[in-house]
Amino acid sequence: MTLFLLLSAIILTPALAALIAARSRSDEAARRVALAGAALTALLSLAPLALLGGAGVAADAIGPAVPLLGVRLRLGLDGYSVALLPLLGFMLVALIGAGPRTALDRGTVAALLATCSAILGVYCAADLAVLAVAWTAALLPGQRLIARKSPGDQLLRRTYRIFLIGGTAPLVLAIGVMAWLGARRGAALPFDVQELARVGVPEAWQSPLFALVGIAVLMRMAAVPFHGWLPVLLERGPLGVTVLLAEMQVGVCVLVHVAVPLLPAACAEQMPILAALGLFSALHGSILALTQTDLRRMIGYLVASQKGLVLLGVASMNAQSLSGALLQSFASSIAITGVAMVVWALEARTGTADMRELGGLVAKTPRMAAFFFLLVCAAIGFPGALSFVSEDLLLHGILHVHPVLSILMLGATALNGITMFRAFQRTFLGPIPPGARSAGEMEALLFRERAALLSLLALTVVLGVAPSRLLALHEPVVEGVLAGVSHGAGGAPLHGRR
């Protein structure tokens, strides 16, 4: 019960801060409340890591049950989600503490906090009803914020509506069907993941249910053909909320925590389809990112490409590739968030993120240029960064399973590197274009911006130099996923398993 109360406090703290911030008398007061709530969330999220952070960590926190609804308020953590909690808390502090003040009004900080609260719920959910509520709730603050701040942008509103429906309805339907099947097979609490895994989902139902779960996951991971929402939201929408939705790995959590234990036979059969979609998404995103002139839209396609690599690693069902994918989800979240924050700061000063209207900024804002360059290096796998370790594991794992796919993966990462260095050159180097918006005076990075960017950079370097702790946390998760899929395949050995 102690752990249940702790996890409940972690989930509800940002939600309570969002309510208070939304009712603050001024934007400045709302920002202070939001920053305090984000800092408290980050501190609380370290407690489970300290209490349960040993290798083999896994814990269930059982709360009250509602037998009439077949629901138990059950929360849980494993070696993957226990590290995601402080990562999300840290990113929330960085976005609220260092984001441009003009972009962080009461509604925006409340939406950031509410989105964070729902994502924390997804990470901790061990009951399918809790998961469905949290999964859906994560998208509602963004819809309300867009409706309030961009009522005339029909493309943005229509795109988000498609994202909301397409990213929630299939999973909610799948959860409802799984609970119905569990009740038919005698489960007293058919929404409980452990209870449902005990009675089992009939094998004949697993493939269609996996397809529904897969659609929701592919939508949230911006995989082809469900990728179109991400570039539009990053270009036109509220950047902070979109970064949280794009970079927090809720899709990986659902694959690991729901699809594998409940639908093992379908996972063994259909994971190769997800691997192919992941590789195609990585290549597709890298090619389209190379053609963009808007920094925000470019980041959208880069995120889609990075998430495609994560999906490829998870779906390859190899110990090394799966470990690399889990690490890559951390590495890309840290580095790409930093790059997005530099673009956010740049746009607040110039009024544009269009590279055609920028240039020569290294002379005006050398620190901004340095942070952009270093975070770009961290994002593409430069030695010393966490992404270097994760991409190395990904490559070796996929090489054992699909040698041709590993070559194509290298092509995608190379194109991403070219795209990001080209963006650095066009934005910060060379002469200032005639009539460019960067021609006037520009304010240097503020202390709070430098502190947040330096913290993100330090985090990826520290984890990159010493990744053993994170790998040890992930090891039992990797073993559990491989064992579950192997059992679903009838005990046949998985490709490349060592």
Protein backbone atom coordinates (compact mmCIF):
# COMPACT_ATOMS: atom_id res chain seq x y z
CA MET A 1 0.00 0.00 0.00
CA THR A 2 2.96 2.32 0.64
CA LEU A 3 4.15 1.94 -2.94
CA PHE A 4 0.61 2.44 -4.22
CA LEU A 5 0.36 5.72 -2.32
CA LEU A 6 3.77 6.82 -3.62
CA LEU A 7 2.91 6.06 -7.25
CA SER A 8 -0.49 7.69 -6.85
CA ALA A 9 1.20 10.81 -5.49
CA ILE A 10 3.60 10.87 -8.43
CA ILE A 11 0.73 10.63 -10.92
CA LEU A 12 -1.59 13.09 -9.18
CA THR A 13 0.95 15.80 -8.26
CA PRO A 14 1.18 17.32 -11.77
CA ALA A 15 -2.60 16.99 -12.19
CA LEU A 16 -3.18 18.95 -8.98
CA ALA A 17 -0.60 21.54 -10.04
CA ALA A 18 -2.42 21.85 -13.37
CA LEU A 19 -5.69 22.64 -11.62
CA ILE A 20 -4.06 25.29 -9.45
CA ALA A 21 -2.11 26.80 -12.39
CA ALA A 22 -5.24 27.01 -14.54
CA ARG A 23 -6.96 29.04 -11.82
CA SER A 24 -4.03 31.34 -11.04
CA ARG A 25 -4.58 35.08 -11.28
CA SER A 26 -1.74 35.68 -13.73
CA ASP A 27 0.49 33.82 -16.14
CA GLU A 28 3.51 34.47 -13.94
CA ALA A 29 1.79 32.95 -10.91
CA ALA A 30 0.74 29.97 -13.03
CA ARG A 31 4.34 29.44 -14.15
CA ARG A 32 5.58 29.49 -10.56
CA VAL A 33 2.95 26.94 -9.51
CA ALA A 34 3.73 24.78 -12.56
CA LEU A 35 7.48 24.85 -11.92
CA ALA A 36 6.96 23.91 -8.27
CA GLY A 37 4.64 21.06 -9.30
CA ALA A 38 7.11 19.84 -11.92
CA ALA A 39 10.01 19.95 -9.45
CA LEU A 40 8.01 18.04 -6.84
CA THR A 41 7.02 15.45 -9.47
CA ALA A 42 10.67 15.00 -10.46
CA LEU A 43 11.75 14.56 -6.84
CA LEU A 44 8.96 12.08 -6.06
CA SER A 45 9.74 10.09 -9.22
CA LEU A 46 13.27 9.45 -7.93
CA ALA A 47 11.90 7.61 -4.89
CA PRO A 48 10.83 4.40 -6.72
CA LEU A 49 14.20 4.32 -8.48
CA ALA A 50 15.97 4.58 -5.13
CA LEU A 51 13.71 2.01 -3.44
CA LEU A 52 13.46 -0.53 -6.26
CA GLY A 53 16.39 0.36 -8.49
CA GLY A 54 18.30 -2.89 -8.16
CA ALA A 55 18.72 -5.28 -11.06
CA GLY A 56 15.61 -7.36 -11.47
CA VAL A 57 13.36 -4.61 -10.17
CA ALA A 58 9.65 -5.29 -10.48
CA ALA A 59 6.94 -4.24 -8.10
CA ASP A 60 3.17 -4.30 -7.89
CA ALA A 61 1.17 -1.77 -5.91
CA ILE A 62 -2.35 -3.04 -5.29
CA GLY A 63 -5.03 -0.52 -4.45
CA PRO A 64 -8.79 -0.83 -3.94
CA ALA A 65 -10.85 -2.98 -6.28
CA VAL A 66 -14.26 -2.36 -7.85
CA PRO A 67 -15.55 -5.92 -8.44
CA LEU A 68 -18.78 -4.77 -10.11
CA LEU A 69 -16.71 -3.17 -12.88
CA GLY A 70 -13.97 -5.80 -12.86
CA VAL A 71 -11.43 -3.08 -12.11
CA ARG A 72 -8.62 -3.00 -9.59
CA LEU A 73 -6.64 0.20 -9.09
CA ARG A 74 -3.37 -1.64 -9.57
CA LEU A 75 -0.14 0.10 -10.40
CA GLY A 76 3.23 -1.43 -11.14
CA LEU A 77 6.79 -0.78 -12.21
CA ASP A 78 9.53 -2.72 -13.94
CA GLY A 79 13.11 -1.93 -14.89
CA TYR A 80 12.01 0.14 -17.90
CA SER A 81 9.20 2.23 -16.41
CA VAL A 82 11.00 2.88 -13.12
CA ALA A 83 13.61 4.90 -15.03
CA LEU A 84 11.04 6.59 -17.28
CA LEU A 85 9.39 8.30 -14.31
CA PRO A 86 12.34 10.57 -13.35
CA LEU A 87 13.14 11.15 -17.03
CA LEU A 88 9.66 12.54 -17.62
CA GLY A 89 9.82 14.60 -14.43
CA PHE A 90 13.17 16.05 -15.45
CA MET A 91 11.92 16.91 -18.94
CA LEU A 92 8.83 18.60 -17.49
CA VAL A 93 11.02 20.79 -15.27
CA ALA A 94 13.20 21.70 -18.27
CA LEU A 95 10.26 22.59 -20.53
CA ILE A 96 8.49 24.72 -17.92
CA GLY A 97 11.60 26.25 -16.40
CA ALA A 98 13.37 27.16 -19.63
CA GLY A 99 10.56 27.59 -22.15
CA PRO A 100 9.87 31.07 -23.56
CA ARG A 101 7.69 33.03 -21.15
CA THR A 102 5.51 34.33 -23.99
CA ALA A 103 4.59 30.74 -24.89
CA LEU A 104 3.91 29.56 -21.33
CA ASP A 105 0.61 31.10 -20.34
CA ARG A 106 -1.80 29.56 -17.83
CA GLY A 107 -3.47 27.28 -20.33
CA THR A 108 -0.21 25.98 -21.76
CA VAL A 109 1.47 25.13 -18.45
CA ALA A 110 -1.75 23.49 -17.25
CA ALA A 111 -1.84 21.39 -20.42
CA LEU A 112 1.82 20.42 -19.95
CA LEU A 113 1.19 19.29 -16.38
CA ALA A 114 -2.01 17.40 -17.22
CA THR A 115 -0.34 15.63 -20.14
CA CYS A 116 2.56 14.64 -17.90
CA SER A 117 0.16 13.26 -15.27
CA ALA A 118 -1.61 11.06 -17.81
CA ILE A 119 1.67 9.76 -19.27
CA LEU A 120 2.84 8.84 -15.76
CA GLY A 121 -0.41 6.91 -15.43
CA VAL A 122 0.39 4.95 -18.59
CA TYR A 123 3.85 4.10 -17.26
CA CYS A 124 2.47 2.80 -13.96
CA ALA A 125 -0.78 1.15 -15.08
CA ALA A 126 -1.08 -2.57 -14.29
CA ASP A 127 -4.84 -2.60 -14.90
CA LEU A 128 -6.20 -2.26 -18.42
CA ALA A 129 -9.00 0.11 -17.38
CA VAL A 130 -6.46 2.43 -15.73
CA LEU A 131 -4.33 2.19 -18.87
CA ALA A 132 -7.24 3.08 -21.16
CA VAL A 133 -8.15 6.13 -19.08
CA ALA A 134 -4.56 7.37 -18.85
CA TRP A 135 -3.82 6.66 -22.54
CA THR A 136 -6.85 8.72 -23.61
CA ALA A 137 -6.37 11.45 -21.02
CA ALA A 138 -2.84 12.16 -22.30
CA LEU A 139 -4.32 13.52 -25.55
CA LEU A 140 -7.17 15.63 -24.20
CA PRO A 141 -5.19 18.63 -22.83
CA GLY A 142 -3.55 19.14 -26.22
CA GLN A 143 -6.91 19.14 -27.99
CA ARG A 144 -8.32 21.71 -25.58
CA LEU A 145 -5.21 23.89 -25.88
CA ILE A 146 -5.29 23.84 -29.68
CA ALA A 147 -9.01 24.64 -29.73
CA ARG A 148 -8.34 27.67 -27.51
CA LYS A 149 -5.15 29.01 -29.09
CA SER A 150 -5.58 28.04 -32.77
CA PRO A 151 -9.32 28.08 -33.49
CA GLY A 152 -8.79 29.16 -37.09
CA ASP A 153 -6.14 26.57 -37.99
CA GLN A 154 -8.35 23.91 -39.49
CA LEU A 155 -5.45 21.70 -40.62
CA LEU A 156 -4.02 21.57 -37.10
CA ARG A 157 -7.38 20.91 -35.46
CA ARG A 158 -8.34 18.24 -38.00
CA THR A 159 -4.95 16.54 -37.72
CA TYR A 160 -5.11 16.44 -33.94
CA ARG A 161 -8.66 15.08 -34.04
CA ILE A 162 -7.51 12.23 -36.30
CA PHE A 163 -4.56 11.61 -33.98
CA LEU A 164 -6.85 11.57 -30.94
CA ILE A 165 -9.39 9.15 -32.40
CA GLY A 166 -6.92 6.93 -34.25
CA GLY A 167 -4.57 6.75 -31.28
CA THR A 168 -7.19 5.85 -28.68
CA ALA A 169 -10.20 4.05 -30.20
CA PRO A 170 -8.34 0.88 -31.35
CA LEU A 171 -6.66 0.36 -27.97
CA VAL A 172 -9.83 1.03 -25.98
CA LEU A 173 -11.72 -1.43 -28.21
CA ALA A 174 -9.00 -4.06 -27.81
CA ILE A 175 -9.01 -3.62 -24.02
CA GLY A 176 -12.79 -3.99 -23.91
CA VAL A 177 -12.68 -7.21 -25.96
CA MET A 178 -9.83 -8.66 -23.87
CA ALA A 179 -11.74 -7.93 -20.66
CA TRP A 180 -14.87 -9.57 -22.10
CA LEU A 181 -12.90 -12.65 -23.09
CA GLY A 182 -11.26 -12.76 -19.65
CA ALA A 183 -14.64 -12.59 -17.93
CA ARG A 184 -15.89 -15.48 -20.09
CA ARG A 185 -12.87 -17.53 -19.03
CA GLY A 186 -13.52 -16.97 -15.33
CA ALA A 187 -11.38 -13.96 -14.46
CA ALA A 188 -12.76 -12.25 -11.37
CA LEU A 189 -11.09 -8.94 -12.37
CA PRO A 190 -10.86 -9.18 -16.17
CA PHE A 191 -9.13 -5.79 -16.57
CA ASP A 192 -6.26 -6.83 -14.31
CA VAL A 193 -3.22 -7.63 -16.47
CA GLN A 194 -1.94 -10.45 -14.24
CA GLU A 195 -5.37 -12.01 -13.89
CA LEU A 196 -5.97 -11.80 -17.63
CA ALA A 197 -2.54 -13.30 -18.34
CA ARG A 198 -3.37 -16.17 -15.96
CA VAL A 199 -6.61 -17.13 -17.72
CA GLY A 200 -5.18 -16.32 -21.14
CA VAL A 201 -6.61 -14.76 -24.28
CA PRO A 202 -7.83 -17.37 -26.80
CA GLU A 203 -5.28 -17.77 -29.58
CA ALA A 204 -7.92 -17.28 -32.27
CA TRP A 205 -8.56 -13.78 -30.92
CA GLN A 206 -4.96 -12.75 -30.50
CA SER A 207 -4.19 -11.68 -34.08
CA PRO A 208 -7.13 -9.26 -34.48
CA LEU A 209 -6.54 -7.89 -30.98
CA PHE A 210 -2.84 -7.41 -31.72
CA ALA A 211 -3.81 -5.56 -34.90
CA LEU A 212 -5.95 -3.14 -32.87
CA VAL A 213 -3.23 -2.61 -30.26
CA GLY A 214 -0.68 -2.26 -33.06
CA ILE A 215 -2.66 0.50 -34.80
CA ALA A 216 -2.82 2.53 -31.59
CA VAL A 217 0.88 1.98 -30.93
CA LEU A 218 1.86 2.83 -34.50
CA MET A 219 -0.21 6.00 -34.32
CA ARG A 220 1.46 7.13 -31.09
CA MET A 221 4.92 6.21 -32.45
CA ALA A 222 4.24 8.14 -35.69
CA ALA A 223 5.04 5.09 -37.81
CA VAL A 224 4.12 4.93 -41.50
CA PRO A 225 1.29 5.12 -42.52
CA PHE A 226 0.15 6.83 -39.28
CA HIS A 227 2.91 9.43 -39.12
CA GLY A 228 1.26 12.51 -40.62
CA TRP A 229 0.18 14.08 -37.32
CA LEU A 230 3.66 14.58 -35.87
CA PRO A 231 5.23 17.04 -38.37
CA VAL A 232 2.03 19.10 -38.43
CA LEU A 233 1.79 19.28 -34.64
CA LEU A 234 5.45 20.14 -34.18
CA GLU A 235 5.29 22.83 -36.88
CA ARG A 236 1.95 24.43 -35.96
CA GLY A 237 0.98 23.21 -32.50
CA PRO A 238 2.09 23.97 -28.94
CA LEU A 239 5.70 22.81 -28.88
CA GLY A 240 5.96 21.79 -25.22
CA VAL A 241 2.89 19.52 -25.21
CA THR A 242 3.83 18.04 -28.58
CA VAL A 243 7.36 17.25 -27.38
CA LEU A 244 5.92 15.32 -24.41
CA LEU A 245 3.51 13.41 -26.66
CA ALA A 246 6.23 12.66 -29.21
CA GLU A 247 9.18 11.81 -26.97
CA MET A 248 7.63 9.87 -24.08
CA GLN A 249 7.66 6.21 -25.07
CA VAL A 250 4.10 5.15 -24.21
CA GLY A 251 3.93 2.97 -27.34
CA VAL A 252 6.91 0.89 -26.23
CA CYS A 253 5.34 0.51 -22.76
CA VAL A 254 2.12 -0.89 -24.25
CA LEU A 255 4.03 -3.36 -26.41
CA VAL A 256 6.13 -4.55 -23.48
CA HIS A 257 3.50 -4.45 -20.72
CA VAL A 258 0.34 -5.45 -22.61
CA ALA A 259 0.96 -7.01 -26.02
CA VAL A 260 3.69 -9.45 -25.01
CA PRO A 261 2.13 -10.89 -21.80
CA LEU A 262 -1.45 -10.99 -23.09
CA LEU A 263 -0.98 -11.71 -26.83
CA PRO A 264 2.23 -13.78 -27.03
CA ALA A 265 1.21 -15.93 -29.99
CA ALA A 266 0.25 -12.90 -32.08
CA CYS A 267 3.50 -11.16 -31.08
CA ALA A 268 5.56 -14.12 -32.26
CA GLU A 269 3.70 -14.13 -35.58
CA GLN A 270 3.26 -10.43 -36.33
CA MET A 271 6.32 -8.69 -34.86
CA PRO A 272 8.14 -8.99 -38.23
CA ILE A 273 5.44 -6.74 -39.72
CA LEU A 274 6.13 -4.11 -37.07
CA ALA A 275 9.87 -4.46 -37.72
CA ALA A 276 9.33 -3.77 -41.43
CA LEU A 277 7.13 -0.77 -40.64
CA GLY A 278 9.72 0.49 -38.17
CA LEU A 279 12.51 0.33 -40.74
CA PHE A 280 10.36 1.96 -43.42
CA SER A 281 9.38 4.71 -40.96
CA ALA A 282 13.05 5.32 -40.12
CA LEU A 283 13.98 5.66 -43.79
CA HIS A 284 10.87 7.63 -44.71
CA GLY A 285 11.36 10.10 -41.86
CA SER A 286 15.07 10.58 -42.59
CA ILE A 287 14.47 11.28 -46.28
CA LEU A 288 11.64 13.76 -45.68
CA ALA A 289 13.56 15.51 -42.89
CA LEU A 290 16.37 16.18 -45.36
CA THR A 291 14.02 18.19 -47.61
CA GLN A 292 12.52 20.47 -44.92
CA THR A 293 13.26 24.17 -44.53
CA ASP A 294 11.34 24.68 -41.27
CA LEU A 295 13.26 23.55 -38.18
CA ARG A 296 10.12 22.49 -36.33
CA ARG A 297 8.86 20.34 -39.19
CA MET A 298 12.34 18.90 -39.67
CA ILE A 299 12.37 17.82 -36.03
CA GLY A 300 8.99 16.16 -36.56
CA TYR A 301 10.34 13.89 -39.29
CA LEU A 302 13.54 13.25 -37.32
CA VAL A 303 11.50 12.14 -34.32
CA ALA A 304 9.46 9.84 -36.58
CA SER A 305 12.70 8.38 -37.94
CA GLN A 306 14.15 7.84 -34.45
CA LYS A 307 10.93 6.21 -33.23
CA GLY A 308 11.03 3.96 -36.29
CA LEU A 309 14.45 2.72 -35.17
CA VAL A 310 13.07 2.04 -31.70
CA LEU A 311 10.15 0.09 -33.18
CA LEU A 312 12.54 -1.88 -35.39
CA GLY A 313 14.66 -2.81 -32.39
CA VAL A 314 11.72 -3.88 -30.24
CA ALA A 315 10.06 -5.88 -33.02
CA SER A 316 13.28 -7.67 -34.02
CA MET A 317 12.97 -9.69 -30.79
CA ASN A 318 16.68 -10.03 -30.23
CA ALA A 319 18.32 -9.42 -26.85
CA GLN A 320 20.76 -6.85 -28.19
CA SER A 321 18.28 -5.08 -30.45
CA LEU A 322 15.67 -4.91 -27.68
CA SER A 323 18.21 -3.54 -25.19
CA GLY A 324 19.33 -1.03 -27.81
CA ALA A 325 15.75 0.01 -28.53
CA LEU A 326 14.99 0.67 -24.86
CA LEU A 327 18.20 2.70 -24.54
CA GLN A 328 17.46 4.54 -27.78
CA SER A 329 14.08 5.58 -26.44
CA PHE A 330 15.89 7.31 -23.56
CA ALA A 331 18.65 8.77 -25.72
CA SER A 332 16.36 10.28 -28.35
CA SER A 333 14.01 11.70 -25.70
CA ILE A 334 16.86 13.59 -24.05
CA ALA A 335 18.72 14.81 -27.14
CA ILE A 336 15.76 15.68 -29.37
CA THR A 337 14.06 17.51 -26.51
CA GLY A 338 17.21 19.62 -26.15
CA VAL A 339 17.30 20.38 -29.87
CA ALA A 340 13.59 21.33 -29.79
CA MET A 341 14.21 23.66 -26.84
CA VAL A 342 17.00 25.44 -28.74
CA VAL A 343 14.63 25.89 -31.69
CA TRP A 344 11.94 27.14 -29.28
CA ALA A 345 14.34 29.73 -27.86
CA LEU A 346 15.44 30.74 -31.37
CA GLU A 347 11.88 31.14 -32.58
CA ALA A 348 10.98 33.26 -29.54
CA ARG A 349 13.76 35.68 -30.48
CA THR A 350 13.35 35.82 -34.26
CA GLY A 351 9.68 34.96 -34.73
CA THR A 352 10.45 32.17 -37.19
CA ALA A 353 11.88 28.66 -37.43
CA ASP A 354 12.33 28.85 -41.21
CA MET A 355 15.98 28.27 -42.08
CA ARG A 356 15.60 30.40 -45.23
CA GLU A 357 15.06 33.44 -43.00
CA LEU A 358 17.92 32.63 -40.65
CA GLY A 359 21.68 32.36 -40.92
CA GLY A 360 24.92 33.64 -39.42
CA LEU A 361 23.63 33.34 -35.86
CA VAL A 362 26.87 31.94 -34.41
CA ALA A 363 28.26 35.49 -34.17
CA LYS A 364 25.16 36.75 -32.34
CA THR A 365 24.37 33.75 -30.10
CA PRO A 366 27.48 31.54 -29.85
CA ARG A 367 26.16 29.64 -26.83
CA MET A 368 22.95 28.80 -28.64
CA ALA A 369 24.97 27.57 -31.61
CA ALA A 370 27.21 25.49 -29.34
CA PHE A 371 24.26 23.84 -27.57
CA PHE A 372 22.54 23.10 -30.89
CA PHE A 373 25.71 21.52 -32.28
CA LEU A 374 26.41 19.40 -29.19
CA LEU A 375 22.83 18.22 -28.87
CA VAL A 376 22.81 17.35 -32.57
CA CYS A 377 25.91 15.24 -31.97
CA ALA A 378 24.15 13.55 -29.06
CA ALA A 379 21.06 12.86 -31.19
CA ILE A 380 22.92 11.15 -34.04
CA GLY A 381 25.10 8.84 -31.93
CA PHE A 382 28.37 10.69 -31.44
CA PRO A 383 30.80 8.73 -29.19
CA GLY A 384 30.29 9.60 -25.55
CA ALA A 385 26.54 10.07 -25.87
CA LEU A 386 23.91 7.53 -24.80
CA SER A 387 22.70 7.26 -28.39
CA PHE A 388 26.14 5.93 -29.40
CA VAL A 389 25.66 2.93 -27.09
CA SER A 390 22.03 2.40 -28.04
CA GLU A 391 22.64 2.54 -31.79
CA ASP A 392 25.59 0.17 -31.45
CA LEU A 393 23.40 -2.37 -29.63
CA LEU A 394 20.62 -1.87 -32.16
CA LEU A 395 22.96 -2.42 -35.09
CA HIS A 396 24.55 -5.56 -33.65
CA GLY A 397 21.20 -7.02 -32.66
CA ILE A 398 19.57 -6.41 -36.03
CA LEU A 399 22.71 -7.61 -37.83
CA HIS A 400 22.22 -11.06 -36.27
CA VAL A 401 18.59 -11.22 -37.38
CA HIS A 402 18.36 -9.24 -40.64
CA PRO A 403 21.77 -8.23 -42.12
CA VAL A 404 20.14 -6.30 -44.96
CA LEU A 405 17.95 -4.35 -42.56
CA SER A 406 21.02 -3.32 -40.58
CA ILE A 407 22.51 -1.72 -43.70
CA LEU A 408 19.29 0.19 -44.34
CA MET A 409 19.24 1.25 -40.68
CA LEU A 410 22.74 2.69 -41.12
CA GLY A 411 21.47 4.59 -44.13
CA ALA A 412 18.67 6.14 -42.08
CA THR A 413 21.02 7.21 -39.28
CA ALA A 414 23.47 8.66 -41.82
CA LEU A 415 20.72 10.72 -43.46
CA ASN A 416 19.62 11.98 -40.03
CA GLY A 417 23.18 13.11 -39.36
CA ILE A 418 23.38 14.93 -42.69
CA THR A 419 20.02 16.61 -42.02
CA MET A 420 20.97 17.90 -38.59
CA PHE A 421 24.42 19.18 -39.54
CA ARG A 422 22.91 20.83 -42.61
CA ALA A 423 20.35 22.54 -40.35
CA PHE A 424 23.17 23.75 -38.10
CA GLN A 425 25.07 25.13 -41.08
CA ARG A 426 22.06 26.93 -42.56
CA THR A 427 20.91 28.38 -39.24
CA PHE A 428 24.11 29.35 -37.47
CA LEU A 429 26.92 29.50 -40.03
CA GLY A 430 27.53 31.43 -43.23
CA PRO A 431 26.50 35.00 -44.04
CA ILE A 432 23.22 36.48 -42.89
CA PRO A 433 20.77 36.40 -45.83
CA PRO A 434 19.51 39.79 -47.04
CA GLY A 435 16.33 40.73 -45.22
CA ALA A 436 16.65 37.79 -42.81
CA ARG A 437 14.84 38.07 -39.49
CA SER A 438 18.12 37.25 -37.74
CA ALA A 439 19.72 40.46 -39.05
CA GLY A 440 18.82 42.51 -35.96
CA GLU A 441 20.02 42.28 -32.40
CA MET A 442 19.32 39.04 -30.58
CA GLU A 443 19.14 38.34 -26.88
CA ALA A 444 21.63 35.75 -25.63
CA LEU A 445 20.46 32.59 -23.91
CA LEU A 446 19.16 33.28 -20.42
CA PHE A 447 20.62 31.53 -17.39
CA ARG A 448 17.57 29.28 -16.98
CA GLU A 449 17.82 28.25 -20.64
CA ARG A 450 21.53 27.52 -20.37
CA ALA A 451 20.99 25.54 -17.17
CA ALA A 452 18.28 23.35 -18.71
CA LEU A 453 20.22 22.68 -21.93
CA LEU A 454 23.43 21.97 -20.03
CA SER A 455 21.55 19.53 -17.78
CA LEU A 456 20.14 17.65 -20.78
CA LEU A 457 23.58 17.51 -22.35
CA ALA A 458 25.19 16.33 -19.13
CA LEU A 459 22.54 13.63 -18.68
CA THR A 460 23.09 12.09 -22.10
CA VAL A 461 26.89 12.17 -21.62
CA VAL A 462 26.80 10.65 -18.12
CA LEU A 463 24.47 7.87 -19.25
CA GLY A 464 26.55 7.38 -22.40
CA VAL A 465 29.81 7.03 -20.51
CA ALA A 466 28.33 4.78 -17.82
CA PRO A 467 25.27 2.99 -19.29
CA SER A 468 25.70 -0.18 -17.22
CA ARG A 469 23.17 0.89 -14.57
CA LEU A 470 20.48 1.49 -17.16
CA LEU A 471 21.32 -1.76 -18.96
CA ALA A 472 21.06 -3.66 -15.67
CA LEU A 473 17.61 -2.17 -15.06
CA HIS A 474 16.48 -3.18 -18.55
CA GLU A 475 17.92 -6.70 -18.50
CA PRO A 476 15.02 -8.45 -16.72
CA VAL A 477 12.55 -6.61 -18.97
CA VAL A 478 14.39 -7.84 -22.05
CA GLU A 479 14.49 -11.40 -20.72
CA GLY A 480 10.80 -11.32 -19.86
CA VAL A 481 9.79 -10.05 -23.32
CA LEU A 482 11.90 -12.65 -25.12
CA ALA A 483 10.61 -15.44 -22.88
CA GLY A 484 7.01 -14.36 -23.44
CA VAL A 485 7.31 -14.23 -27.22
CA SER A 486 9.24 -17.52 -27.27
CA HIS A 487 6.43 -19.12 -25.28
CA GLY A 488 3.91 -17.70 -27.74
CA ALA A 489 5.89 -19.23 -30.59
CA GLY A 490 5.56 -22.65 -28.97
CA GLY A 491 8.97 -22.60 -27.32
CA ALA A 492 10.89 -22.17 -30.57
CA PRO A 493 14.15 -20.22 -30.10
CA LEU A 494 14.09 -16.60 -31.19
CA HIS A 495 16.45 -15.39 -33.88
CA GLY A 496 19.71 -14.11 -32.51
CA ARG A 497 18.86 -14.76 -28.89
CA ARG A 498 21.99 -15.19 -26.74
